[in-house]
Amino acid sequence: MATYNTPVTPVFNAGYGPYASDFNTWIYQTFSFFQNKVVLRVSQTTTATSLPDSGAVTTIAYDTVLEDPYSGWNASTHLWTPPSGYSGWYQATITIRTVTLSNLVMLRPVFAGTYSYALTTVQGNSNAGAGVCATFTVYLVGGQDTLGAACSLLNSGSAVNTSLTAGQESTLEIIYLSQT
C-alpha cells in the first residue's frame, strides 16, 4: 500500500521564487492525491461492538486499518478527518454485519461525525447472519469535519454483537469524489 503526503500550499518570501523542483513536487503530490481515490478503508476484525436493544445509536469500533494514506483515522474516536486543504465531496459506504437476528429485528446504519445521518432500516431474518450496507455522499471541509459509522438496533429484546467472521465483518470505506 502506497502512502502519499498531503500536498502543501506554496508560500514564497518576498524576493524569492520557486525552483523547478518545487513545481514538480506540488504537481506530483496533488495528482497522487486525486488519483488515489480511496482515502480510508477500515474493518472490524478483532473486537465486536455490542449493539444495545434500546435502539441507541452505537459507534462501530473499527479496529483494523486497511488503507489510510493520509493518516486521517482516529482510532480512539473511530472518526476520519480529511486532509487539510482538501475540502470536497466524499462518498462513504458502511457495512454493518451482525450475528444471527430474529424476525422483525431491525438494523439502522448511521453516519456519525460532523454530519449525523440515519439511513433506511432493514429487517433481519431468523437463523441467519444479518447485515446492512449504506452509501452517503457528503461535502467535508479538510482538516475540520469528521466522518464515522454507527448503528442502532430495534426490536431485538437483547443486545447483539457485530460479526467478526472473516469476510463478514463490518467495514467503512471513504472515497474522494471531487472538489466541487
N, C-alpha and C. Protein backbone atom coordinates (compact mmCIF):
# COMPACT_ATOMS: atom_id res chain seq x y z
N MET A 1 0.85 -1.17 0.00
CA MET A 1 0.00 0.00 0.00
C MET A 1 0.90 1.23 0.00
N ALA A 2 0.68 2.08 -0.98
CA ALA A 2 1.46 3.31 -1.09
C ALA A 2 0.94 4.35 -0.11
N THR A 3 1.84 5.14 0.42
CA THR A 3 1.45 6.23 1.29
C THR A 3 1.89 7.53 0.63
N TYR A 4 0.97 8.47 0.53
CA TYR A 4 1.25 9.74 -0.12
C TYR A 4 1.14 10.86 0.91
N ASN A 5 1.96 11.87 0.74
CA ASN A 5 1.89 13.04 1.60
C ASN A 5 0.80 13.97 1.11
N THR A 6 0.17 14.66 2.03
CA THR A 6 -0.82 15.66 1.66
C THR A 6 -0.09 16.81 0.99
N PRO A 7 -0.57 17.26 -0.18
CA PRO A 7 0.10 18.36 -0.87
C PRO A 7 0.13 19.62 0.00
N VAL A 8 1.19 20.41 -0.17
CA VAL A 8 1.35 21.62 0.61
C VAL A 8 0.98 22.84 -0.22
N THR A 9 0.54 23.89 0.45
CA THR A 9 0.25 25.16 -0.21
C THR A 9 1.55 25.94 -0.29
N PRO A 10 1.95 26.36 -1.50
CA PRO A 10 3.22 27.07 -1.62
C PRO A 10 3.18 28.45 -0.97
N VAL A 11 4.26 28.81 -0.31
CA VAL A 11 4.40 30.13 0.29
C VAL A 11 5.77 30.66 -0.14
N PHE A 12 5.80 31.89 -0.65
CA PHE A 12 7.05 32.48 -1.11
C PHE A 12 7.36 33.72 -0.27
N ASN A 13 8.58 33.80 0.18
CA ASN A 13 9.03 35.01 0.85
C ASN A 13 9.27 36.08 -0.22
N ALA A 14 9.11 37.32 0.16
CA ALA A 14 9.30 38.43 -0.79
C ALA A 14 10.70 38.34 -1.40
N GLY A 15 10.76 38.43 -2.73
CA GLY A 15 12.05 38.42 -3.42
C GLY A 15 12.55 37.03 -3.77
N TYR A 16 11.84 35.97 -3.37
CA TYR A 16 12.26 34.60 -3.66
C TYR A 16 11.17 33.90 -4.45
N GLY A 17 11.57 33.16 -5.44
CA GLY A 17 10.61 32.42 -6.26
C GLY A 17 10.83 30.93 -6.14
N PRO A 18 9.94 30.16 -6.70
CA PRO A 18 10.09 28.71 -6.62
C PRO A 18 11.13 28.19 -7.61
N TYR A 19 11.69 27.03 -7.30
CA TYR A 19 12.58 26.32 -8.21
C TYR A 19 11.74 25.35 -9.04
N ALA A 20 12.31 24.86 -10.13
CA ALA A 20 11.60 23.90 -10.98
C ALA A 20 11.22 22.64 -10.19
N SER A 21 12.10 22.22 -9.29
CA SER A 21 11.80 21.03 -8.48
C SER A 21 10.59 21.25 -7.57
N ASP A 22 10.36 22.50 -7.14
CA ASP A 22 9.19 22.81 -6.32
C ASP A 22 7.90 22.53 -7.10
N PHE A 23 7.88 22.96 -8.36
CA PHE A 23 6.70 22.74 -9.19
C PHE A 23 6.42 21.24 -9.36
N ASN A 24 7.48 20.47 -9.58
CA ASN A 24 7.30 19.02 -9.75
C ASN A 24 6.71 18.39 -8.48
N THR A 25 7.20 18.82 -7.32
CA THR A 25 6.69 18.29 -6.06
C THR A 25 5.23 18.64 -5.88
N TRP A 26 4.88 19.89 -6.15
CA TRP A 26 3.49 20.31 -5.97
C TRP A 26 2.55 19.53 -6.90
N ILE A 27 2.97 19.38 -8.14
CA ILE A 27 2.12 18.68 -9.11
C ILE A 27 2.03 17.20 -8.75
N TYR A 28 3.14 16.57 -8.44
CA TYR A 28 3.14 15.15 -8.12
C TYR A 28 2.25 14.87 -6.90
N GLN A 29 2.43 15.64 -5.83
CA GLN A 29 1.64 15.39 -4.63
C GLN A 29 0.15 15.61 -4.88
N THR A 30 -0.20 16.65 -5.61
CA THR A 30 -1.61 16.92 -5.89
C THR A 30 -2.21 15.83 -6.76
N PHE A 31 -1.53 15.44 -7.82
CA PHE A 31 -2.06 14.40 -8.69
C PHE A 31 -2.15 13.06 -7.98
N SER A 32 -1.17 12.75 -7.14
CA SER A 32 -1.23 11.47 -6.43
C SER A 32 -2.43 11.44 -5.48
N PHE A 33 -2.77 12.59 -4.88
CA PHE A 33 -3.95 12.65 -4.02
C PHE A 33 -5.21 12.38 -4.81
N PHE A 34 -5.35 13.02 -5.97
CA PHE A 34 -6.56 12.87 -6.75
C PHE A 34 -6.66 11.51 -7.43
N GLN A 35 -5.55 10.89 -7.75
CA GLN A 35 -5.59 9.58 -8.38
C GLN A 35 -5.86 8.48 -7.35
N ASN A 36 -5.48 8.70 -6.13
CA ASN A 36 -5.68 7.72 -5.07
C ASN A 36 -7.04 8.00 -4.45
N LYS A 37 -8.11 7.57 -5.10
CA LYS A 37 -9.47 7.92 -4.70
C LYS A 37 -9.85 7.38 -3.32
N VAL A 38 -9.45 6.16 -2.97
CA VAL A 38 -9.80 5.62 -1.66
C VAL A 38 -8.95 6.33 -0.61
N VAL A 39 -9.61 7.03 0.30
CA VAL A 39 -8.88 7.75 1.33
C VAL A 39 -8.97 7.07 2.69
N LEU A 40 -9.89 6.11 2.81
CA LEU A 40 -9.97 5.33 4.06
C LEU A 40 -10.69 4.02 3.80
N ARG A 41 -10.13 2.97 4.37
CA ARG A 41 -10.80 1.67 4.37
C ARG A 41 -10.43 1.00 5.69
N VAL A 42 -11.45 0.79 6.55
CA VAL A 42 -11.24 0.15 7.85
C VAL A 42 -12.25 -0.99 8.01
N SER A 43 -11.91 -1.93 8.87
CA SER A 43 -12.83 -3.03 9.16
C SER A 43 -12.75 -3.39 10.64
N GLN A 44 -13.66 -4.24 11.05
CA GLN A 44 -13.73 -4.66 12.45
C GLN A 44 -13.44 -6.16 12.47
N THR A 45 -12.24 -6.53 12.92
CA THR A 45 -11.83 -7.93 12.85
C THR A 45 -11.48 -8.56 14.19
N THR A 46 -11.20 -7.75 15.23
CA THR A 46 -10.73 -8.36 16.48
C THR A 46 -11.68 -8.18 17.66
N THR A 47 -12.40 -7.07 17.75
CA THR A 47 -13.28 -6.83 18.89
C THR A 47 -14.66 -6.41 18.39
N ALA A 48 -15.67 -7.20 18.72
CA ALA A 48 -17.03 -6.91 18.29
C ALA A 48 -17.61 -5.72 19.06
N THR A 49 -18.53 -5.01 18.41
CA THR A 49 -19.27 -3.94 19.06
C THR A 49 -20.61 -4.50 19.48
N SER A 50 -21.00 -4.26 20.72
CA SER A 50 -22.29 -4.71 21.22
C SER A 50 -23.33 -3.63 20.95
N LEU A 51 -24.35 -3.97 20.17
CA LEU A 51 -25.44 -3.05 19.86
C LEU A 51 -26.54 -3.27 20.88
N PRO A 52 -26.85 -2.27 21.71
CA PRO A 52 -27.86 -2.45 22.75
C PRO A 52 -29.27 -2.55 22.17
N ASP A 53 -30.15 -3.26 22.87
CA ASP A 53 -31.52 -3.44 22.40
C ASP A 53 -32.38 -2.19 22.62
N SER A 54 -31.81 -1.14 23.20
CA SER A 54 -32.57 0.09 23.49
C SER A 54 -32.81 0.92 22.24
N GLY A 55 -32.13 0.62 21.14
CA GLY A 55 -32.25 1.42 19.93
C GLY A 55 -31.27 2.57 19.91
N ALA A 56 -30.43 2.67 20.94
CA ALA A 56 -29.44 3.75 21.00
C ALA A 56 -28.45 3.63 19.86
N VAL A 57 -28.05 4.76 19.31
CA VAL A 57 -27.05 4.78 18.25
C VAL A 57 -25.69 4.47 18.87
N THR A 58 -25.01 3.45 18.35
CA THR A 58 -23.74 2.99 18.89
C THR A 58 -22.67 3.09 17.82
N THR A 59 -21.57 3.73 18.13
CA THR A 59 -20.46 3.86 17.20
C THR A 59 -19.82 2.50 16.97
N ILE A 60 -19.56 2.17 15.72
CA ILE A 60 -18.88 0.92 15.39
C ILE A 60 -17.39 1.14 15.60
N ALA A 61 -16.79 0.31 16.42
CA ALA A 61 -15.38 0.46 16.79
C ALA A 61 -14.51 -0.33 15.80
N TYR A 62 -14.28 0.27 14.64
CA TYR A 62 -13.41 -0.37 13.66
C TYR A 62 -12.00 -0.45 14.23
N ASP A 63 -11.38 -1.62 14.12
CA ASP A 63 -10.09 -1.82 14.77
C ASP A 63 -8.95 -2.17 13.82
N THR A 64 -9.24 -2.32 12.55
CA THR A 64 -8.20 -2.68 11.59
C THR A 64 -8.20 -1.68 10.43
N VAL A 65 -7.11 -0.96 10.28
CA VAL A 65 -6.98 -0.01 9.18
C VAL A 65 -6.40 -0.74 7.99
N LEU A 66 -7.16 -0.80 6.91
CA LEU A 66 -6.71 -1.46 5.69
C LEU A 66 -6.03 -0.47 4.75
N GLU A 67 -6.52 0.76 4.75
CA GLU A 67 -5.97 1.80 3.88
C GLU A 67 -6.30 3.17 4.48
N ASP A 68 -5.29 3.97 4.72
CA ASP A 68 -5.44 5.33 5.22
C ASP A 68 -4.21 6.13 4.81
N PRO A 69 -4.07 6.41 3.50
CA PRO A 69 -2.84 7.03 3.02
C PRO A 69 -2.59 8.43 3.55
N TYR A 70 -3.59 9.12 4.09
CA TYR A 70 -3.40 10.48 4.58
C TYR A 70 -3.49 10.58 6.09
N SER A 71 -3.50 9.45 6.78
CA SER A 71 -3.47 9.37 8.24
C SER A 71 -4.57 10.20 8.90
N GLY A 72 -5.79 10.09 8.38
CA GLY A 72 -6.91 10.84 8.93
C GLY A 72 -7.73 10.08 9.95
N TRP A 73 -7.46 8.76 10.12
CA TRP A 73 -8.24 7.93 11.02
C TRP A 73 -7.82 8.13 12.46
N ASN A 74 -8.80 8.30 13.35
CA ASN A 74 -8.55 8.43 14.78
C ASN A 74 -9.09 7.17 15.45
N ALA A 75 -8.20 6.30 15.90
CA ALA A 75 -8.59 5.01 16.46
C ALA A 75 -9.33 5.13 17.79
N SER A 76 -9.19 6.24 18.49
CA SER A 76 -9.90 6.37 19.77
C SER A 76 -11.33 6.89 19.59
N THR A 77 -11.55 7.76 18.61
CA THR A 77 -12.91 8.28 18.38
C THR A 77 -13.64 7.51 17.28
N HIS A 78 -12.89 6.74 16.49
CA HIS A 78 -13.42 5.99 15.35
C HIS A 78 -14.03 6.93 14.32
N LEU A 79 -13.35 8.06 14.09
CA LEU A 79 -13.78 9.05 13.10
C LEU A 79 -12.61 9.36 12.18
N TRP A 80 -12.92 9.71 10.93
CA TRP A 80 -11.91 10.07 9.93
C TRP A 80 -12.02 11.55 9.61
N THR A 81 -10.88 12.24 9.47
CA THR A 81 -10.82 13.65 9.11
C THR A 81 -10.09 13.78 7.78
N PRO A 82 -10.68 14.46 6.79
CA PRO A 82 -9.98 14.64 5.51
C PRO A 82 -8.76 15.54 5.69
N PRO A 83 -7.76 15.40 4.81
CA PRO A 83 -6.55 16.21 4.94
C PRO A 83 -6.85 17.70 4.79
N SER A 84 -6.09 18.52 5.50
CA SER A 84 -6.24 19.98 5.41
C SER A 84 -6.02 20.42 3.96
N GLY A 85 -6.82 21.36 3.53
CA GLY A 85 -6.69 21.87 2.17
C GLY A 85 -7.42 21.05 1.13
N TYR A 86 -8.05 19.96 1.52
CA TYR A 86 -8.76 19.11 0.55
C TYR A 86 -10.23 18.97 0.92
N SER A 87 -10.89 20.10 0.93
CA SER A 87 -12.34 20.11 1.10
C SER A 87 -12.95 19.60 -0.19
N GLY A 88 -14.02 18.86 -0.09
CA GLY A 88 -14.66 18.36 -1.30
C GLY A 88 -15.72 17.33 -0.99
N TRP A 89 -16.19 16.72 -2.04
CA TRP A 89 -17.23 15.69 -1.94
C TRP A 89 -16.59 14.33 -1.72
N TYR A 90 -17.08 13.62 -0.72
CA TYR A 90 -16.60 12.29 -0.38
C TYR A 90 -17.80 11.35 -0.35
N GLN A 91 -17.56 10.11 -0.73
CA GLN A 91 -18.60 9.09 -0.66
C GLN A 91 -18.18 8.06 0.39
N ALA A 92 -19.04 7.86 1.36
CA ALA A 92 -18.76 6.88 2.42
C ALA A 92 -19.72 5.71 2.29
N THR A 93 -19.19 4.52 2.44
CA THR A 93 -20.01 3.30 2.41
C THR A 93 -19.75 2.53 3.69
N ILE A 94 -20.82 2.28 4.44
CA ILE A 94 -20.68 1.47 5.65
C ILE A 94 -21.42 0.15 5.46
N THR A 95 -20.82 -0.88 5.99
CA THR A 95 -21.45 -2.20 6.02
C THR A 95 -21.41 -2.66 7.46
N ILE A 96 -22.58 -2.93 8.02
CA ILE A 96 -22.68 -3.42 9.40
C ILE A 96 -23.15 -4.86 9.31
N ARG A 97 -22.36 -5.77 9.84
CA ARG A 97 -22.72 -7.19 9.87
C ARG A 97 -22.86 -7.62 11.31
N THR A 98 -23.92 -8.37 11.62
CA THR A 98 -24.14 -8.86 12.97
C THR A 98 -24.26 -10.38 12.97
N VAL A 99 -24.27 -10.93 14.17
CA VAL A 99 -24.57 -12.35 14.32
C VAL A 99 -26.07 -12.52 14.07
N THR A 100 -26.58 -13.69 14.23
CA THR A 100 -27.98 -14.00 13.93
C THR A 100 -28.96 -13.06 14.61
N LEU A 101 -29.96 -12.62 13.84
CA LEU A 101 -31.04 -11.80 14.37
C LEU A 101 -32.36 -12.55 14.22
N SER A 102 -33.30 -12.25 15.08
CA SER A 102 -34.63 -12.84 14.99
C SER A 102 -35.47 -12.05 13.98
N ASN A 103 -36.63 -12.62 13.61
CA ASN A 103 -37.54 -11.90 12.73
C ASN A 103 -37.98 -10.59 13.39
N LEU A 104 -38.25 -9.59 12.59
CA LEU A 104 -38.74 -8.28 13.00
C LEU A 104 -37.70 -7.43 13.73
N VAL A 105 -36.47 -7.92 13.85
CA VAL A 105 -35.40 -7.11 14.43
C VAL A 105 -34.83 -6.26 13.31
N MET A 106 -34.59 -4.99 13.61
CA MET A 106 -34.15 -4.08 12.56
C MET A 106 -32.81 -3.43 12.89
N LEU A 107 -32.00 -3.22 11.86
CA LEU A 107 -30.73 -2.52 11.96
C LEU A 107 -30.87 -1.20 11.21
N ARG A 108 -30.37 -0.13 11.79
CA ARG A 108 -30.39 1.17 11.12
C ARG A 108 -28.97 1.72 11.09
N PRO A 109 -28.34 1.80 9.90
CA PRO A 109 -27.00 2.38 9.80
C PRO A 109 -27.07 3.90 9.97
N VAL A 110 -26.05 4.46 10.60
CA VAL A 110 -26.00 5.90 10.85
C VAL A 110 -24.59 6.40 10.53
N PHE A 111 -24.50 7.46 9.74
CA PHE A 111 -23.21 8.10 9.54
C PHE A 111 -23.02 9.08 10.69
N ALA A 112 -21.88 9.00 11.35
CA ALA A 112 -21.61 9.81 12.53
C ALA A 112 -20.50 10.80 12.23
N GLY A 113 -20.31 11.74 13.13
CA GLY A 113 -19.27 12.74 12.96
C GLY A 113 -19.89 14.11 12.85
N THR A 114 -19.31 14.96 12.01
CA THR A 114 -19.80 16.32 11.83
C THR A 114 -21.26 16.31 11.38
N TYR A 115 -21.58 15.43 10.46
CA TYR A 115 -22.95 15.31 9.96
C TYR A 115 -23.47 13.94 10.33
N SER A 116 -24.46 13.89 11.20
CA SER A 116 -25.05 12.62 11.60
C SER A 116 -26.29 12.39 10.76
N TYR A 117 -26.35 11.22 10.11
CA TYR A 117 -27.42 10.97 9.17
C TYR A 117 -27.85 9.51 9.26
N ALA A 118 -29.09 9.27 9.68
CA ALA A 118 -29.62 7.90 9.77
C ALA A 118 -30.17 7.49 8.42
N LEU A 119 -29.96 6.25 8.06
CA LEU A 119 -30.40 5.75 6.76
C LEU A 119 -31.50 4.71 6.91
N THR A 120 -31.91 4.14 5.82
CA THR A 120 -33.01 3.19 5.79
C THR A 120 -32.79 2.03 6.76
N THR A 121 -33.85 1.60 7.40
CA THR A 121 -33.80 0.47 8.32
C THR A 121 -34.04 -0.82 7.55
N VAL A 122 -33.30 -1.86 7.88
CA VAL A 122 -33.52 -3.17 7.26
C VAL A 122 -33.88 -4.18 8.33
N GLN A 123 -34.65 -5.15 7.94
CA GLN A 123 -35.14 -6.16 8.88
C GLN A 123 -34.31 -7.42 8.76
N GLY A 124 -33.96 -8.01 9.92
CA GLY A 124 -33.18 -9.24 9.94
C GLY A 124 -34.03 -10.47 9.69
N ASN A 125 -33.38 -11.57 9.29
CA ASN A 125 -34.05 -12.85 9.09
C ASN A 125 -33.66 -13.79 10.21
N SER A 126 -34.57 -14.66 10.61
CA SER A 126 -34.23 -15.59 11.69
C SER A 126 -33.21 -16.61 11.22
N ASN A 127 -32.37 -17.03 12.15
CA ASN A 127 -31.37 -18.07 11.93
C ASN A 127 -30.40 -17.75 10.80
N ALA A 128 -30.12 -16.50 10.56
CA ALA A 128 -29.13 -16.13 9.54
C ALA A 128 -28.41 -14.88 10.02
N GLY A 129 -27.16 -14.75 9.64
CA GLY A 129 -26.44 -13.52 9.94
C GLY A 129 -27.12 -12.36 9.24
N ALA A 130 -27.08 -11.22 9.82
CA ALA A 130 -27.75 -10.06 9.24
C ALA A 130 -26.74 -8.99 8.89
N GLY A 131 -27.14 -8.11 8.03
CA GLY A 131 -26.26 -7.02 7.68
C GLY A 131 -27.00 -5.92 6.97
N VAL A 132 -26.38 -4.77 6.94
CA VAL A 132 -26.94 -3.63 6.24
C VAL A 132 -25.78 -2.86 5.63
N CYS A 133 -26.01 -2.33 4.45
CA CYS A 133 -24.99 -1.54 3.76
C CYS A 133 -25.64 -0.25 3.31
N ALA A 134 -24.94 0.86 3.47
CA ALA A 134 -25.47 2.16 3.07
C ALA A 134 -24.36 3.03 2.51
N THR A 135 -24.72 3.88 1.57
CA THR A 135 -23.77 4.81 0.97
C THR A 135 -24.30 6.22 1.13
N PHE A 136 -23.40 7.14 1.43
CA PHE A 136 -23.77 8.52 1.70
C PHE A 136 -22.73 9.43 1.05
N THR A 137 -23.16 10.45 0.33
CA THR A 137 -22.25 11.42 -0.27
C THR A 137 -22.36 12.71 0.53
N VAL A 138 -21.21 13.25 0.94
CA VAL A 138 -21.20 14.41 1.82
C VAL A 138 -20.03 15.33 1.46
N TYR A 139 -20.24 16.63 1.62
CA TYR A 139 -19.17 17.60 1.43
C TYR A 139 -18.46 17.77 2.77
N LEU A 140 -17.15 17.54 2.80
CA LEU A 140 -16.37 17.65 4.03
C LEU A 140 -15.31 18.74 3.88
N VAL A 141 -15.12 19.51 4.93
CA VAL A 141 -14.09 20.54 4.97
C VAL A 141 -12.80 19.90 5.48
N GLY A 142 -11.75 19.97 4.69
CA GLY A 142 -10.47 19.35 5.03
C GLY A 142 -9.89 19.87 6.32
N GLY A 143 -9.42 18.95 7.18
CA GLY A 143 -8.80 19.31 8.44
C GLY A 143 -9.78 19.71 9.53
N GLN A 144 -11.07 19.66 9.22
CA GLN A 144 -12.06 20.16 10.18
C GLN A 144 -13.19 19.15 10.43
N ASP A 145 -13.87 18.71 9.37
CA ASP A 145 -15.01 17.80 9.53
C ASP A 145 -14.54 16.38 9.81
N THR A 146 -15.44 15.58 10.38
CA THR A 146 -15.14 14.18 10.66
C THR A 146 -16.27 13.30 10.14
N LEU A 147 -15.95 12.02 9.93
CA LEU A 147 -16.95 11.07 9.46
C LEU A 147 -16.64 9.69 10.02
N GLY A 148 -17.66 9.01 10.47
CA GLY A 148 -17.53 7.66 11.00
C GLY A 148 -18.83 6.92 10.79
N ALA A 149 -18.98 5.77 11.43
CA ALA A 149 -20.17 4.95 11.26
C ALA A 149 -20.70 4.47 12.60
N ALA A 150 -22.01 4.36 12.66
CA ALA A 150 -22.68 3.87 13.86
C ALA A 150 -23.89 3.05 13.41
N CYS A 151 -24.59 2.47 14.37
CA CYS A 151 -25.75 1.64 14.05
C CYS A 151 -26.68 1.61 15.25
N SER A 152 -27.98 1.49 14.98
CA SER A 152 -28.93 1.25 16.07
C SER A 152 -29.67 -0.04 15.78
N LEU A 153 -30.07 -0.70 16.84
CA LEU A 153 -30.74 -1.99 16.77
C LEU A 153 -32.12 -1.82 17.39
N LEU A 154 -33.17 -2.24 16.68
CA LEU A 154 -34.54 -2.05 17.14
C LEU A 154 -35.27 -3.39 17.25
N ASN A 155 -36.08 -3.55 18.29
CA ASN A 155 -36.95 -4.72 18.49
C ASN A 155 -36.21 -6.03 18.72
N SER A 156 -35.04 -6.01 19.31
CA SER A 156 -34.30 -7.26 19.46
C SER A 156 -34.56 -7.97 20.78
N GLY A 157 -34.85 -7.23 21.83
CA GLY A 157 -35.07 -7.85 23.14
C GLY A 157 -33.78 -8.11 23.90
N SER A 158 -32.65 -8.09 23.22
CA SER A 158 -31.35 -8.25 23.87
C SER A 158 -30.28 -7.65 22.97
N ALA A 159 -29.12 -7.40 23.57
CA ALA A 159 -28.00 -6.83 22.80
C ALA A 159 -27.52 -7.85 21.77
N VAL A 160 -27.01 -7.34 20.65
CA VAL A 160 -26.48 -8.18 19.58
C VAL A 160 -25.09 -7.67 19.22
N ASN A 161 -24.16 -8.59 19.02
CA ASN A 161 -22.80 -8.22 18.65
C ASN A 161 -22.62 -8.15 17.15
N THR A 162 -21.68 -7.30 16.71
CA THR A 162 -21.32 -7.30 15.31
C THR A 162 -20.50 -8.56 15.02
N SER A 163 -20.51 -8.98 13.77
CA SER A 163 -19.84 -10.21 13.36
C SER A 163 -18.35 -9.99 13.18
N LEU A 164 -17.56 -10.97 13.59
CA LEU A 164 -16.12 -10.95 13.36
C LEU A 164 -15.70 -12.07 12.41
N THR A 165 -16.66 -12.74 11.81
CA THR A 165 -16.38 -13.83 10.88
C THR A 165 -15.66 -13.28 9.66
N ALA A 166 -14.56 -13.90 9.27
CA ALA A 166 -13.78 -13.42 8.13
C ALA A 166 -14.67 -13.32 6.89
N GLY A 167 -14.59 -12.18 6.22
CA GLY A 167 -15.40 -11.95 5.04
C GLY A 167 -16.80 -11.44 5.35
N GLN A 168 -17.16 -11.41 6.63
CA GLN A 168 -18.48 -10.93 7.03
C GLN A 168 -18.38 -9.90 8.16
N GLU A 169 -17.26 -9.18 8.20
CA GLU A 169 -17.08 -8.18 9.23
C GLU A 169 -17.60 -6.83 8.76
N SER A 170 -17.82 -5.94 9.72
CA SER A 170 -18.28 -4.59 9.42
C SER A 170 -17.14 -3.79 8.81
N THR A 171 -17.47 -2.93 7.84
CA THR A 171 -16.44 -2.13 7.16
C THR A 171 -16.91 -0.70 6.94
N LEU A 172 -15.95 0.19 6.74
CA LEU A 172 -16.21 1.58 6.37
C LEU A 172 -15.21 1.93 5.29
N GLU A 173 -15.70 2.49 4.18
CA GLU A 173 -14.82 2.92 3.09
C GLU A 173 -15.21 4.33 2.69
N ILE A 174 -14.21 5.21 2.57
CA ILE A 174 -14.45 6.59 2.15
C ILE A 174 -13.64 6.84 0.89
N ILE A 175 -14.31 7.39 -0.12
CA ILE A 175 -13.69 7.66 -1.41
C ILE A 175 -13.81 9.16 -1.71
N TYR A 176 -12.74 9.74 -2.20
CA TYR A 176 -12.76 11.13 -2.61
C TYR A 176 -13.42 11.22 -3.98
N LEU A 177 -14.39 12.14 -4.16
CA LEU A 177 -15.06 12.30 -5.44
C LEU A 177 -14.58 13.53 -6.20
N SER A 178 -14.73 14.72 -5.63
CA SER A 178 -14.31 15.94 -6.32
C SER A 178 -14.32 17.12 -5.37
N GLN A 179 -13.72 18.23 -5.84
CA GLN A 179 -13.71 19.45 -5.02
C GLN A 179 -15.03 20.21 -5.14
N THR A 180 -15.67 20.16 -6.28
CA THR A 180 -16.91 20.93 -6.46
C THR A 180 -18.06 20.02 -6.83
